[in-house]
N, C-alpha and C. Protein backbone atom coordinates (compact mmCIF):
# COMPACT_ATOMS: atom_id res chain seq x y z
N UNK A 1 -10.94 21.12 -12.02
CA UNK A 1 -9.87 20.39 -11.66
C UNK A 1 -11.20 18.77 -12.31
N UNK A 2 -10.35 18.22 -12.89
CA UNK A 2 -10.62 16.69 -13.88
C UNK A 2 -10.57 15.88 -12.69
N UNK A 3 -11.60 14.91 -13.02
CA UNK A 3 -12.09 13.89 -11.80
C UNK A 3 -11.71 12.76 -12.68
N UNK A 4 -10.64 12.06 -11.47
CA UNK A 4 -9.94 10.67 -11.70
C UNK A 4 -10.73 9.48 -11.36
N UNK A 5 -11.54 9.06 -11.59
CA UNK A 5 -12.22 7.74 -11.28
C UNK A 5 -11.09 7.21 -10.21
N UNK A 6 -10.26 6.72 -11.06
CA UNK A 6 -9.09 5.73 -10.87
C UNK A 6 -8.49 6.05 -9.39
N UNK A 7 -8.33 7.81 -9.50
CA UNK A 7 -7.88 8.27 -8.28
C UNK A 7 -8.95 8.67 -6.80
N UNK A 8 -9.86 7.89 -7.59
CA UNK A 8 -11.06 7.89 -6.25
C UNK A 8 -10.63 6.51 -5.50
N UNK A 9 -10.55 5.45 -6.19
CA UNK A 9 -10.71 4.60 -6.23
C UNK A 9 -9.50 4.06 -5.49
N UNK A 10 -8.26 4.44 -5.43
CA UNK A 10 -6.76 4.29 -4.61
C UNK A 10 -6.93 5.17 -3.43
N UNK A 11 -8.00 6.42 -3.47
CA UNK A 11 -8.33 7.45 -2.29
C UNK A 11 -8.85 6.42 -1.23
N UNK A 12 -9.83 5.65 -1.63
CA UNK A 12 -10.94 5.27 -0.91
C UNK A 12 -10.10 3.87 -0.36
N UNK A 13 -9.37 3.03 -1.28
CA UNK A 13 -8.33 1.83 -1.10
C UNK A 13 -7.21 2.08 0.08
N UNK A 14 -6.66 3.12 0.26
CA UNK A 14 -6.09 3.90 1.53
C UNK A 14 -6.47 4.58 2.71
N UNK A 15 -7.73 5.28 2.90
CA UNK A 15 -8.52 5.08 3.83
C UNK A 15 -9.12 3.72 4.64
N UNK A 16 -9.42 2.65 3.39
CA UNK A 16 -9.59 1.93 4.52
C UNK A 16 -8.72 0.85 4.95
N UNK A 17 -7.35 0.62 4.31
CA UNK A 17 -6.64 0.41 4.80
C UNK A 17 -5.94 1.22 5.86
N UNK A 18 -5.98 2.30 6.16
CA UNK A 18 -5.80 3.01 7.44
C UNK A 18 -6.58 2.95 8.53
N UNK A 19 -7.77 2.69 8.75
CA UNK A 19 -8.72 2.49 9.30
C UNK A 19 -9.14 0.84 9.19
N UNK A 20 -8.46 -0.17 9.22
CA UNK A 20 -7.36 -1.39 9.01
C UNK A 20 -9.13 -2.00 8.91
N UNK A 21 -9.73 -1.36 7.24
CA UNK A 21 -10.82 -2.49 7.06
C UNK A 21 -10.16 -2.74 5.93
N UNK A 22 -9.31 -4.43 5.80
CA UNK A 22 -8.73 -4.51 5.08
C UNK A 22 -9.77 -5.14 3.67
N UNK A 23 -10.76 -5.65 3.55
CA UNK A 23 -11.74 -6.30 3.18
C UNK A 23 -12.28 -5.29 2.20
N UNK A 24 -12.16 -3.80 2.27
CA UNK A 24 -12.67 -2.91 1.96
C UNK A 24 -11.36 -2.41 1.12
N UNK A 25 -10.37 -2.14 1.57
CA UNK A 25 -9.00 -1.84 0.95
C UNK A 25 -9.34 -3.25 -0.75
N UNK A 26 -9.81 -4.02 -0.46
CA UNK A 26 -9.21 -5.23 -1.40
C UNK A 26 -10.45 -4.96 -2.39
N UNK A 27 -11.51 -4.51 -2.13
CA UNK A 27 -12.26 -4.16 -3.08
C UNK A 27 -12.62 -3.34 -4.06
N UNK A 28 -11.43 -2.17 -4.07
CA UNK A 28 -10.77 -2.11 -5.31
C UNK A 28 -9.79 -2.34 -6.14
N UNK A 29 -9.27 -3.15 -5.99
CA UNK A 29 -8.15 -4.17 -6.56
C UNK A 29 -9.21 -5.24 -7.50
N UNK A 30 -8.47 -5.14 -8.59
CA UNK A 30 -9.01 -6.33 -9.73
C UNK A 30 -8.45 -8.32 -9.29
N UNK A 31 -9.15 -8.81 -9.70
CA UNK A 31 -8.58 -10.62 -9.05
C UNK A 31 -7.73 -10.53 -9.47
N UNK A 32 -7.28 -10.04 -10.71
CA UNK A 32 -5.98 -10.47 -10.96
C UNK A 32 -4.69 -9.72 -11.10
N UNK A 33 -5.02 -8.66 -9.87
CA UNK A 33 -3.92 -8.17 -9.58
C UNK A 33 -2.55 -8.23 -9.00
N UNK A 34 -2.08 -7.51 -9.10
CA UNK A 34 -0.61 -7.98 -9.25
C UNK A 34 0.56 -6.77 -8.46
N UNK A 35 0.67 -6.70 -7.62
CA UNK A 35 1.58 -6.25 -6.40
C UNK A 35 2.70 -6.12 -6.05
N UNK A 36 3.68 -5.50 -5.97
CA UNK A 36 5.06 -5.77 -5.41
C UNK A 36 5.38 -4.97 -4.25
N UNK A 37 6.36 -5.35 -3.52
CA UNK A 37 6.42 -4.55 -1.91
C UNK A 37 8.19 -4.93 -2.84
N UNK A 38 8.66 -3.83 -2.91
CA UNK A 38 10.10 -3.73 -2.89
C UNK A 38 10.84 -4.12 -1.49
N UNK A 39 11.97 -4.78 -1.90
CA UNK A 39 12.97 -4.87 -0.83
C UNK A 39 13.52 -6.25 -0.60
N UNK A 40 13.66 -6.69 1.34
CA UNK A 40 13.73 -7.48 1.36
C UNK A 40 13.29 -7.92 3.20
N UNK A 41 12.21 -6.96 3.07
CA UNK A 41 11.68 -7.36 4.58
C UNK A 41 10.72 -8.17 4.28
N UNK A 42 10.64 -9.02 5.57
CA UNK A 42 9.19 -10.32 5.81
C UNK A 42 8.78 -10.06 4.44
N UNK A 43 7.40 -8.66 4.70
CA UNK A 43 6.53 -8.61 3.59
C UNK A 43 6.63 -8.48 2.35
N UNK A 44 8.18 -8.09 1.85
CA UNK A 44 8.35 -8.11 0.28
C UNK A 44 8.08 -9.20 -0.12
N UNK A 45 8.16 -8.78 -1.95
CA UNK A 45 7.70 -10.29 -2.61
C UNK A 45 6.52 -9.78 -3.72
N UNK A 46 6.17 -10.95 -4.64
CA UNK A 46 4.78 -10.08 -5.15
C UNK A 46 3.79 -11.27 -5.00
N UNK A 47 2.84 -10.27 -5.35
CA UNK A 47 1.37 -10.88 -4.63
C UNK A 47 0.00 -10.93 -6.26
N UNK A 48 -0.04 -12.06 -5.88
CA UNK A 48 -0.58 -11.89 -6.99
C UNK A 48 -2.28 -12.13 -7.16
N UNK A 49 -3.10 -11.72 -6.68
CA UNK A 49 -4.35 -11.75 -6.99
C UNK A 49 -5.21 -10.98 -5.62
N UNK A 50 -6.45 -10.59 -5.56
CA UNK A 50 -7.15 -9.78 -4.89
C UNK A 50 -7.12 -11.11 -3.48
N UNK A 51 -6.86 -12.23 -3.05
CA UNK A 51 -6.84 -12.51 -1.84
C UNK A 51 -5.48 -12.49 -1.55
N UNK A 52 -4.61 -12.51 -2.27
CA UNK A 52 -3.05 -12.51 -1.81
C UNK A 52 -2.43 -11.27 -1.16
N UNK A 53 -3.15 -10.04 -2.22
CA UNK A 53 -3.17 -8.76 -1.60
C UNK A 53 -3.69 -8.24 -0.30
N UNK A 54 -4.66 -8.85 -0.13
CA UNK A 54 -5.50 -8.46 0.95
C UNK A 54 -5.06 -9.17 2.24
N UNK A 55 -4.06 -10.79 1.87
CA UNK A 55 -3.61 -11.53 3.15
C UNK A 55 -2.14 -10.29 3.28
N UNK A 56 -1.28 -9.92 2.89
CA UNK A 56 -0.20 -8.83 2.79
C UNK A 56 -0.23 -8.02 3.89
N UNK A 57 -1.67 -7.11 3.08
CA UNK A 57 -2.06 -6.25 3.76
C UNK A 57 -2.30 -6.61 5.47
N UNK A 58 -2.92 -7.80 5.65
CA UNK A 58 -3.62 -8.26 6.51
C UNK A 58 -2.43 -8.05 7.58
N UNK A 59 -0.99 -9.13 7.11
CA UNK A 59 -0.48 -9.24 7.56
C UNK A 59 0.27 -8.29 8.06
N UNK A 60 0.71 -6.97 7.20
CA UNK A 60 1.38 -5.75 7.83
C UNK A 60 0.33 -5.18 9.14
N UNK A 61 -1.09 -5.23 8.76
CA UNK A 61 -1.58 -4.43 10.08
C UNK A 61 -1.62 -5.59 11.71
N UNK A 62 -0.96 -6.62 11.32
CA UNK A 62 -1.02 -7.96 12.53
C UNK A 62 0.45 -7.50 13.23
N UNK A 63 1.27 -7.32 11.76
CA UNK A 63 2.76 -7.18 12.25
C UNK A 63 2.94 -5.65 13.23
N UNK A 64 2.05 -4.68 12.70
CA UNK A 64 1.80 -3.45 13.68
C UNK A 64 0.56 -3.18 14.40
N UNK A 65 0.02 -4.00 15.09
CA UNK A 65 -0.82 -3.66 15.51
C UNK A 65 -2.27 -2.78 15.39
N UNK A 66 -1.90 -2.29 14.23
CA UNK A 66 -2.87 -1.90 13.06
C UNK A 66 -2.53 -0.29 13.08
N UNK A 67 -1.30 -0.14 13.34
CA UNK A 67 -0.81 0.87 13.49
C UNK A 67 -0.37 1.50 12.21
N UNK A 68 0.17 0.94 11.27
CA UNK A 68 0.80 1.22 9.97
C UNK A 68 -0.02 2.27 9.03
N UNK A 69 0.26 3.38 8.26
CA UNK A 69 -0.77 4.02 8.17
C UNK A 69 -0.44 5.18 7.13
N UNK A 70 -0.31 5.59 6.16
CA UNK A 70 -0.28 6.20 5.16
C UNK A 70 -0.63 7.44 5.05
N UNK A 71 -0.09 8.50 4.53
CA UNK A 71 -0.53 9.92 4.06
C UNK A 71 -0.23 10.60 3.09
N UNK A 72 -1.13 10.65 1.64
CA UNK A 72 -0.34 11.12 0.50
C UNK A 72 0.25 12.33 0.69
N UNK A 73 0.99 12.90 -0.25
CA UNK A 73 2.14 14.26 -0.05
C UNK A 73 2.04 14.89 -1.31
N UNK A 74 1.93 13.88 -2.22
CA UNK A 74 2.48 14.18 -3.59
C UNK A 74 1.35 12.58 -4.37
N UNK A 75 1.01 13.21 -5.42
CA UNK A 75 -0.30 12.61 -6.22
C UNK A 75 -0.62 13.04 -7.35
N UNK A 76 0.44 11.89 -8.89
CA UNK A 76 0.12 12.48 -9.64
C UNK A 76 -0.34 11.23 -10.21
N UNK A 77 -1.78 11.65 -11.11
CA UNK A 77 -2.36 10.80 -11.86
C UNK A 77 -2.87 11.45 -13.43
N UNK A 78 -1.81 10.59 -14.10
CA UNK A 78 -2.86 10.60 -15.72
C UNK A 78 -3.57 9.11 -16.39
N UNK A 79 -4.88 9.42 -16.76
CA UNK A 79 -5.49 8.37 -17.65
C UNK A 79 -5.31 7.48 -16.14
N UNK A 80 -5.06 5.89 -16.58
CA UNK A 80 -5.01 4.94 -16.04
C UNK A 80 -3.17 4.75 -14.71
N UNK A 81 -2.78 5.62 -15.00
CA UNK A 81 -1.50 5.57 -13.90
C UNK A 81 -1.36 6.82 -12.92
N UNK A 82 -0.70 6.02 -12.15
CA UNK A 82 -0.93 6.60 -10.71
C UNK A 82 0.28 6.87 -9.88
N UNK A 83 1.03 8.52 -9.67
CA UNK A 83 2.23 7.78 -9.05
C UNK A 83 1.34 8.41 -7.92
N UNK A 84 2.33 7.67 -6.42
CA UNK A 84 1.93 8.60 -4.68
C UNK A 84 2.79 8.08 -4.14
N UNK A 85 3.12 9.56 -3.46
CA UNK A 85 4.51 10.16 -2.72
C UNK A 85 3.65 9.91 -1.56
N UNK A 86 3.98 9.35 0.05
CA UNK A 86 3.74 9.44 0.49
C UNK A 86 4.43 8.96 2.04
N UNK A 87 3.68 9.42 3.40
CA UNK A 87 4.23 9.54 4.58
C UNK A 87 4.10 8.37 5.24
N UNK A 88 4.38 7.69 5.80
CA UNK A 88 3.69 5.94 6.05
C UNK A 88 4.53 5.78 7.91
N UNK A 89 3.70 6.13 9.00
CA UNK A 89 4.14 5.75 10.13
C UNK A 89 3.62 4.47 10.53
N UNK A 90 4.31 3.82 12.14
CA UNK A 90 3.64 2.91 12.75
C UNK A 90 4.67 2.33 13.94
N UNK A 91 4.11 1.47 14.46
CA UNK A 91 4.55 0.86 15.72
C UNK A 91 4.56 -0.78 15.51
N UNK A 92 5.36 -1.11 16.25
CA UNK A 92 5.53 -3.03 16.69
C UNK A 92 5.44 -2.69 18.30
N UNK A 93 4.82 -4.36 18.15
CA UNK A 93 4.69 -4.19 20.20
C UNK A 93 6.05 -4.42 20.66
N UNK A 94 7.09 -4.53 19.89
CA UNK A 94 8.47 -5.08 20.60
C UNK A 94 8.81 -3.21 20.52
N UNK A 95 8.72 -2.24 20.01
CA UNK A 95 8.83 -0.81 20.37
C UNK A 95 9.66 -0.33 18.94
N UNK A 96 9.90 -1.24 18.06
CA UNK A 96 10.42 -0.75 16.72
C UNK A 96 9.01 0.68 16.07
N UNK A 97 9.48 1.67 15.39
CA UNK A 97 8.26 2.35 15.14
C UNK A 97 8.88 2.58 13.42
N UNK A 98 8.33 2.62 12.13
CA UNK A 98 8.42 3.69 11.38
C UNK A 98 7.66 5.33 11.54
N UNK A 99 8.71 5.45 11.01
CA UNK A 99 8.44 7.24 10.56
C UNK A 99 9.20 7.58 9.07
N UNK A 100 7.96 6.86 7.92
CA UNK A 100 9.59 7.82 6.76
C UNK A 100 8.52 7.74 5.30
N UNK A 101 9.06 7.94 4.52
CA UNK A 101 8.26 7.99 3.16
C UNK A 101 8.49 6.97 2.12
N UNK A 102 7.82 6.58 1.46
CA UNK A 102 7.23 5.71 0.25
C UNK A 102 6.95 6.21 -0.93
N UNK A 103 7.06 5.37 -2.08
CA UNK A 103 6.88 6.06 -3.27
C UNK A 103 5.89 4.95 -3.90
N UNK A 104 4.78 4.76 -4.76
CA UNK A 104 4.37 3.81 -5.06
C UNK A 104 3.92 4.20 -6.42
N UNK A 105 3.60 3.52 -6.76
CA UNK A 105 3.28 2.96 -8.72
C UNK A 105 2.21 2.45 -8.80
N UNK A 106 1.08 2.79 -9.54
CA UNK A 106 -0.48 2.12 -9.76
C UNK A 106 -0.93 2.50 -10.93
N UNK A 107 -1.11 1.03 -11.47
CA UNK A 107 -2.02 0.74 -13.04
C UNK A 107 -3.70 0.25 -12.87
N UNK A 108 -4.35 1.28 -13.81
CA UNK A 108 -5.40 1.12 -12.68
C UNK A 108 -6.41 0.28 -14.69
N UNK A 109 -7.52 -0.62 -14.62
CA UNK A 109 -8.17 -1.15 -15.50
C UNK A 109 -9.73 -0.99 -15.24
N UNK A 110 -10.48 -0.41 -15.53
CA UNK A 110 -11.91 -0.13 -15.46
C UNK A 110 -11.77 0.15 -13.69
N UNK A 111 -11.31 1.08 -13.46
CA UNK A 111 -11.12 1.32 -11.86
C UNK A 111 -11.09 0.67 -11.04
N UNK A 112 -10.34 -0.24 -11.11
CA UNK A 112 -9.60 -1.61 -10.43
C UNK A 112 -8.55 -1.26 -10.71
N UNK A 113 -7.43 -1.44 -9.21
CA UNK A 113 -5.98 -1.81 -9.32
C UNK A 113 -5.92 -2.91 -10.20
N UNK A 114 -4.81 -2.61 -10.84
CA UNK A 114 -4.63 -3.90 -11.54
C UNK A 114 -2.67 -4.22 -11.04
N UNK A 115 -2.05 -3.57 -11.28
CA UNK A 115 -0.99 -3.56 -10.49
C UNK A 115 -0.41 -1.79 -10.12
N UNK A 116 0.52 -2.90 -8.70
CA UNK A 116 0.79 -1.54 -7.60
C UNK A 116 2.28 -1.82 -7.18
N UNK A 117 3.11 -0.81 -7.15
CA UNK A 117 4.71 -0.83 -5.96
C UNK A 117 4.50 -0.77 -5.48
N UNK A 118 4.91 -0.65 -3.93
CA UNK A 118 5.54 -0.31 -2.93
C UNK A 118 6.68 -0.14 -2.95
N UNK A 119 7.01 1.02 -2.94
CA UNK A 119 9.07 1.04 -3.11
C UNK A 119 9.29 2.11 -1.56
N UNK A 120 9.69 1.66 -0.90
CA UNK A 120 10.09 2.71 0.54
C UNK A 120 11.31 3.51 0.08
N UNK A 121 11.54 4.71 0.50
CA UNK A 121 12.39 5.68 0.36
C UNK A 121 13.71 5.27 1.07
N UNK A 122 13.46 4.72 1.87
CA UNK A 122 14.73 4.30 3.22
C UNK A 122 14.73 2.93 3.28
N UNK A 123 15.20 1.96 2.23
CA UNK A 123 14.69 0.31 2.02
C UNK A 123 15.35 0.18 3.67
N UNK A 124 16.25 0.12 4.16
CA UNK A 124 17.16 -0.35 5.01
C UNK A 124 15.73 -0.18 6.48
N UNK A 125 15.31 0.94 6.80
CA UNK A 125 14.46 1.30 8.04
C UNK A 125 13.17 0.29 7.35
N UNK A 126 12.43 0.51 6.05
CA UNK A 126 11.58 -0.60 5.43
C UNK A 126 11.75 -1.70 6.44
N UNK A 127 12.51 -2.54 6.35
CA UNK A 127 13.57 -4.20 5.62
C UNK A 127 13.33 -3.78 7.79
N UNK A 128 14.28 -3.22 8.57
CA UNK A 128 14.12 -2.92 9.88
C UNK A 128 13.22 -3.13 10.81
N UNK A 129 11.98 -2.32 10.31
CA UNK A 129 10.66 -2.39 10.80
C UNK A 129 10.15 -3.68 10.54
N UNK A 130 9.82 -4.23 8.97
CA UNK A 130 8.92 -5.29 8.85
C UNK A 130 9.60 -5.91 8.43
N UNK A 131 10.70 -6.92 9.38
CA UNK A 131 11.22 -8.33 9.66
C UNK A 131 11.29 -9.10 10.83
N UNK A 132 10.85 -10.24 10.48
CA UNK A 132 10.45 -10.65 12.03
C UNK A 132 12.40 -10.93 12.52
């Protein structure tokens, strides 16, 4: 099996997110990262820079009392590009829960994430879960 350094970085970012270590997650992204969360949820939008990236991850973790986490199901890596399909779960203090799939597209440069997108498979469920 061919080692892919970008895939190692991505898995480290995801593992850090899952254990609520946002600083460690943000260390895998470039200073000028551009990250898009698709849809109309409260957290949807375009985030520019490592700080904005970390801030939206923190906001998601705060909204879900640290419960939102993803488990990769399919990962395709080719050079600087990675596509991941993951199962994501979480719960909100008000009783809302999320148990759904999401697609992710990533592009790397020199071992750091420079572009990414979160694409919820069920936009309605995602928006219902992560809306104020």
